[in-house]
Amino acid sequence: MAKVYGFSLIELLVAVTIMLVMVGMGLASYLNFNEKQTVLQATKELETYLQLAQSKAQSGDVPAGCDQLVAYTVNVGDGACSAANKLCLKAVCNNGGSLTEITRSPEYNWDEDLVANNLGVGFRVLQGGLGQLSEGSWQTLATRSVIVSNQAGTISYQFTVSQGGEIGEIVEVGEE
């Protein structure tokens, strides 16, 4: 009887199955890594935007149409910006005794699949400090943790903004 070289059908099926499982695991890991990087990058962009608001407040950069500059705030969508997927910077102005907000250009795109909690914070002009515009008056805030996460809430990053306006390091929520 002649020798037969090669693999049996069972051996090929086992090898292909093992390869498919490994590829599937690698793909799942890559997708998780990619989503983590998306959330981290958005958190870094938000932190940078808060630093811009803080810088404009400290320098007293008064926009056109503003009688007296009170603060600069940062908001994400939800009627605060021109669209739900926008990150915007607003100047809070005292115009004739009432506080109004003037949106500053440019607005930046914000991924609609991301959620930013505890935003809507701002920085007082010149004297600094953290606060927010609430029902027509400026309210001073205590230290606030800003959390950015995906819609499912499975990946989250946070940083703190102290009452004095210092912006802390970005850390992954749930990281030991």
Protein backbone atom coordinates (compact mmCIF):
# COMPACT_ATOMS: atom_id res chain seq x y z
CA MET A 1 0.00 0.00 0.00
CA ALA A 2 1.27 3.47 -0.93
CA LYS A 3 1.97 6.14 1.67
CA VAL A 4 -0.52 9.00 1.66
CA TYR A 5 0.85 12.42 2.46
CA GLY A 6 -1.21 15.38 3.72
CA PHE A 7 -3.82 16.10 6.35
CA SER A 8 -7.10 14.44 7.01
CA LEU A 9 -10.34 16.41 6.83
CA ILE A 10 -10.68 16.32 10.64
CA GLU A 11 -7.18 17.75 11.12
CA LEU A 12 -7.92 20.60 8.68
CA LEU A 13 -11.24 21.39 10.39
CA VAL A 14 -9.56 21.51 13.82
CA ALA A 15 -6.80 23.82 12.52
CA VAL A 16 -9.27 26.17 10.79
CA THR A 17 -11.49 26.26 13.89
CA ILE A 18 -8.54 27.19 16.11
CA MET A 19 -7.50 29.92 13.66
CA LEU A 20 -11.04 31.35 13.54
CA VAL A 21 -11.27 31.45 17.34
CA MET A 22 -7.92 33.26 17.54
CA VAL A 23 -8.92 35.77 14.85
CA GLY A 24 -12.24 36.38 16.63
CA MET A 25 -10.52 37.02 19.93
CA GLY A 26 -8.03 39.36 18.29
CA LEU A 27 -10.80 41.28 16.54
CA ALA A 28 -12.77 41.67 19.79
CA SER A 29 -9.67 42.94 21.58
CA TYR A 30 -8.95 45.40 18.78
CA LEU A 31 -12.51 46.76 18.79
CA ASN A 32 -12.41 47.22 22.58
CA PHE A 33 -9.02 48.96 22.32
CA ASN A 34 -10.33 51.19 19.52
CA GLU A 35 -13.39 52.22 21.56
CA LYS A 36 -11.20 52.95 24.60
CA GLN A 37 -8.98 55.17 22.47
CA THR A 38 -12.02 57.02 21.09
CA VAL A 39 -13.30 57.79 24.59
CA LEU A 40 -9.81 58.74 25.82
CA GLN A 41 -9.24 61.07 22.86
CA ALA A 42 -12.62 62.76 23.42
CA THR A 43 -11.73 63.22 27.11
CA LYS A 44 -8.42 64.84 26.13
CA GLU A 45 -10.21 67.15 23.66
CA LEU A 46 -12.70 68.16 26.35
CA GLU A 47 -9.90 68.82 28.81
CA THR A 48 -8.13 70.99 26.22
CA TYR A 49 -11.33 72.88 25.52
CA LEU A 50 -11.78 73.55 29.25
CA GLN A 51 -8.21 74.86 29.34
CA LEU A 52 -9.09 77.19 26.44
CA ALA A 53 -12.13 78.49 28.37
CA GLN A 54 -9.98 78.99 31.44
CA SER A 55 -7.35 80.85 29.40
CA LYS A 56 -9.94 83.14 27.80
CA ALA A 57 -11.48 83.86 31.21
CA GLN A 58 -8.10 84.63 32.79
CA SER A 59 -7.15 86.98 29.97
CA GLY A 60 -10.56 88.70 30.00
CA ASP A 61 -11.16 88.11 26.27
CA VAL A 62 -14.43 90.04 25.71
CA PRO A 63 -16.43 89.00 22.62
CA ALA A 64 -18.42 91.41 20.45
CA GLY A 65 -21.86 92.16 21.90
CA CYS A 66 -20.74 91.70 25.49
CA ASP A 67 -20.99 94.67 27.87
CA GLN A 68 -19.26 93.02 30.83
CA LEU A 69 -17.65 89.57 30.68
CA VAL A 70 -18.48 87.33 33.67
CA ALA A 71 -17.13 83.89 32.69
CA TYR A 72 -16.49 81.34 29.98
CA THR A 73 -18.34 78.00 29.95
CA VAL A 74 -17.98 74.76 28.02
CA ASN A 75 -21.02 72.71 26.96
CA VAL A 76 -21.83 69.66 24.86
CA GLY A 77 -24.96 69.57 22.68
CA ASP A 78 -28.40 69.26 24.27
CA GLY A 79 -29.59 72.67 23.13
CA ALA A 80 -26.53 74.39 24.59
CA CYS A 81 -24.73 74.32 21.25
CA SER A 82 -25.88 74.57 17.63
CA ALA A 83 -26.31 70.78 17.41
CA ALA A 84 -26.32 67.73 19.68
CA ASN A 85 -22.95 66.60 18.39
CA LYS A 86 -21.11 69.87 19.07
CA LEU A 87 -18.75 70.96 21.81
CA CYS A 88 -19.03 74.71 22.31
CA LEU A 89 -17.43 77.55 24.22
CA LYS A 90 -19.70 80.30 25.54
CA ALA A 91 -18.98 83.71 27.00
CA VAL A 92 -21.29 84.61 29.90
CA CYS A 93 -21.95 88.35 29.75
CA ASN A 94 -23.71 90.87 31.95
CA ASN A 95 -25.70 92.90 29.42
CA GLY A 96 -27.84 95.52 31.12
CA GLY A 97 -28.15 93.62 34.40
CA SER A 98 -29.06 90.20 32.98
CA LEU A 99 -26.64 87.36 32.30
CA THR A 100 -26.63 86.05 28.73
CA GLU A 101 -24.47 83.57 26.86
CA ILE A 102 -22.70 84.27 23.57
CA THR A 103 -21.43 81.22 21.68
CA ARG A 104 -17.85 81.59 20.48
CA SER A 105 -16.60 80.02 17.25
CA PRO A 106 -15.57 77.47 16.33
CA GLU A 107 -17.69 74.67 17.70
CA TYR A 108 -16.06 71.26 17.58
CA ASN A 109 -17.60 67.96 16.58
CA TRP A 110 -18.50 65.66 19.46
CA ASP A 111 -19.14 61.95 18.88
CA GLU A 112 -22.86 61.33 19.52
CA ASP A 113 -21.97 57.91 20.94
CA LEU A 114 -20.20 59.58 23.88
CA VAL A 115 -21.66 61.01 27.08
CA ALA A 116 -20.07 63.79 29.15
CA ASN A 117 -21.40 64.01 32.72
CA ASN A 118 -21.03 67.03 35.02
CA LEU A 119 -20.23 69.42 32.21
CA GLY A 120 -21.63 72.91 31.74
CA VAL A 121 -18.93 74.29 34.00
CA GLY A 122 -17.20 77.60 33.54
CA PHE A 123 -14.43 79.83 34.78
CA ARG A 124 -14.91 83.30 36.26
CA VAL A 125 -13.12 86.17 34.59
CA LEU A 126 -9.87 87.38 36.16
CA GLN A 127 -10.51 86.08 39.69
CA GLY A 128 -10.85 82.50 38.45
CA GLY A 129 -12.88 79.84 40.16
CA LEU A 130 -15.33 77.27 38.96
CA GLY A 131 -19.04 77.86 38.44
CA GLN A 132 -22.04 77.60 36.14
CA LEU A 133 -24.87 79.74 34.85
CA SER A 134 -28.08 78.58 36.54
CA GLU A 135 -31.46 80.27 36.12
CA GLY A 136 -29.93 83.58 35.12
CA SER A 137 -27.33 83.85 37.88
CA TRP A 138 -23.75 82.67 38.33
CA GLN A 139 -23.37 79.84 40.87
CA THR A 140 -19.98 78.96 42.37
CA LEU A 141 -19.27 75.23 42.27
CA ALA A 142 -17.19 72.93 44.42
CA THR A 143 -14.68 70.56 42.86
CA ARG A 144 -16.32 68.63 40.05
CA SER A 145 -15.44 65.32 38.41
CA VAL A 146 -16.09 65.35 34.67
CA ILE A 147 -16.73 61.86 33.31
CA VAL A 148 -16.71 60.93 29.63
CA SER A 149 -18.04 57.49 28.69
CA ASN A 150 -19.45 55.52 25.80
CA GLN A 151 -23.25 55.16 25.56
CA ALA A 152 -23.18 51.73 27.20
CA GLY A 153 -21.15 53.09 30.11
CA THR A 154 -18.62 50.27 29.84
CA ILE A 155 -15.65 52.58 29.15
CA SER A 156 -15.22 55.79 31.14
CA TYR A 157 -12.49 58.33 31.81
CA GLN A 158 -12.63 61.19 34.27
CA PHE A 159 -10.72 64.24 35.41
CA THR A 160 -11.45 66.75 38.14
CA VAL A 161 -11.79 70.50 38.00
CA SER A 162 -11.17 72.05 41.40
CA GLN A 163 -13.08 74.99 42.82
CA GLY A 164 -9.99 77.11 42.11
CA GLY A 165 -10.04 76.03 38.46
CA GLU A 166 -7.16 73.53 38.39
CA ILE A 167 -7.75 70.71 35.91
CA GLY A 168 -6.52 67.29 37.10
CA GLU A 169 -5.11 64.27 35.31
CA ILE A 170 -7.25 61.97 33.18
CA VAL A 171 -7.80 58.55 34.76
CA GLU A 172 -9.78 55.54 33.63
CA VAL A 173 -12.83 54.95 35.81
CA GLY A 174 -12.62 51.55 37.48
CA GLU A 175 -8.83 51.46 37.12
CA GLU A 176 -7.14 50.22 40.30
